[in-house]
Amino acid sequence: MYAYGGGYDYNRFSVRKLAKLICQNLERRPAEINANKIFECVRNIYVHLKNGYSDNPEHYHIDVRMLLGVCLASAWFSIKQDSIIRGFANEQGWV
């Protein structure tokens, strides 16, 4: 069972919520969830980390690391998207 409200408004203030959604459905993405839109949310979240905004949430670095790890463990993304996510993790020295 998963909690998905139908929106794609995941941002730097809802990283844990997005990681939980993916983690609860690690091996099979529910058909009603658009993986491309989720990937864009992940990408935007990473860009906020990379840009180092001063108003990023506390422990943002740790939360994004968790999100990228969950994404890499999932079967949600295309080979290209997975490669990009792995690149994000590599840039941070996490992989």
Protein backbone atom coordinates (compact mmCIF):
# COMPACT_ATOMS: atom_id res chain seq x y z
CA MET A 1 0.00 0.00 0.00
CA TYR A 2 1.26 3.44 -0.82
CA ALA A 3 0.24 7.00 -0.15
CA TYR A 4 0.12 8.97 -3.36
CA GLY A 5 -2.02 12.05 -3.62
CA GLY A 6 -1.84 12.41 -7.39
CA GLY A 7 0.43 15.45 -7.48
CA TYR A 8 4.04 15.94 -8.45
CA ASP A 9 4.83 18.81 -6.12
CA TYR A 10 7.72 17.09 -4.35
CA ASN A 11 10.43 19.60 -3.55
CA ARG A 12 13.27 20.23 -1.11
CA PHE A 13 10.78 20.38 1.75
CA SER A 14 9.27 16.95 0.98
CA VAL A 15 12.34 14.83 0.20
CA ARG A 16 11.51 12.26 2.87
CA LYS A 17 7.94 11.97 1.60
CA LEU A 18 9.16 11.26 -1.93
CA ALA A 19 11.74 8.73 -0.71
CA LYS A 20 9.00 6.98 1.27
CA LEU A 21 6.73 6.77 -1.78
CA ILE A 22 9.47 5.20 -3.89
CA CYS A 23 10.67 2.92 -1.09
CA GLN A 24 7.19 1.55 -0.44
CA ASN A 25 6.98 0.53 -4.09
CA LEU A 26 10.63 -0.23 -4.73
CA GLU A 27 10.30 -3.04 -7.24
CA ARG A 28 7.18 -1.93 -9.07
CA ARG A 29 6.07 1.62 -9.68
CA PRO A 30 2.27 1.98 -9.52
CA ALA A 31 0.91 2.51 -13.03
CA GLU A 32 -0.75 5.81 -12.16
CA ILE A 33 2.56 7.40 -11.18
CA ASN A 34 4.53 9.00 -14.01
CA ALA A 35 8.20 8.07 -13.59
CA ASN A 36 9.33 10.97 -15.78
CA LYS A 37 7.61 13.50 -13.52
CA ILE A 38 9.06 11.84 -10.43
CA PHE A 39 12.51 11.95 -12.05
CA GLU A 40 12.09 15.70 -12.63
CA CYS A 41 11.26 16.12 -8.93
CA VAL A 42 14.40 14.16 -7.99
CA ARG A 43 16.49 16.23 -10.41
CA ASN A 44 15.15 19.51 -9.03
CA ILE A 45 15.77 18.37 -5.46
CA TYR A 46 19.36 17.52 -6.38
CA VAL A 47 19.90 20.87 -8.11
CA HIS A 48 18.85 22.64 -4.91
CA LEU A 49 21.46 20.61 -3.01
CA LYS A 50 24.15 21.29 -5.61
CA ASN A 51 23.40 25.01 -5.57
CA GLY A 52 23.75 25.03 -1.77
CA TYR A 53 20.87 27.40 -1.05
CA SER A 54 21.11 28.87 2.42
CA ASP A 55 17.43 28.15 3.11
CA ASN A 56 17.66 24.43 2.36
CA PRO A 57 16.12 22.41 5.19
CA GLU A 58 18.28 21.17 8.04
CA HIS A 59 19.89 17.83 7.19
CA TYR A 60 19.03 18.34 3.50
CA HIS A 61 22.31 16.75 2.43
CA ILE A 62 21.47 13.55 4.33
CA ASP A 63 17.89 13.45 3.03
CA VAL A 64 19.00 13.86 -0.59
CA ARG A 65 21.59 11.12 -0.14
CA MET A 66 18.83 8.82 1.13
CA LEU A 67 16.56 9.77 -1.79
CA LEU A 68 19.21 9.06 -4.40
CA GLY A 69 20.02 5.72 -2.76
CA VAL A 70 16.35 4.73 -2.80
CA CYS A 71 16.04 5.82 -6.42
CA LEU A 72 19.06 3.73 -7.41
CA ALA A 73 17.64 0.71 -5.58
CA SER A 74 14.26 1.07 -7.28
CA ALA A 75 13.01 -0.17 -10.63
CA TRP A 76 11.23 3.11 -11.39
CA PHE A 77 13.54 4.83 -13.83
CA SER A 78 14.82 4.30 -17.35
CA ILE A 79 18.43 3.30 -17.92
CA LYS A 80 19.26 6.89 -18.88
CA GLN A 81 17.52 8.35 -15.82
CA ASP A 82 19.24 5.80 -13.58
CA SER A 83 22.58 6.82 -15.07
CA ILE A 84 21.85 10.49 -14.37
CA ILE A 85 20.86 9.74 -10.77
CA ARG A 86 24.05 7.68 -10.36
CA GLY A 87 25.95 10.70 -11.72
CA PHE A 88 24.37 12.92 -9.06
CA ALA A 89 25.53 10.47 -6.38
CA ASN A 90 29.00 10.30 -7.93
CA GLU A 91 29.30 14.09 -7.91
CA GLN A 92 28.77 14.01 -4.16
CA GLY A 93 31.13 11.07 -3.62
CA TRP A 94 28.31 8.80 -2.46
CA VAL A 95 28.87 5.97 -4.95
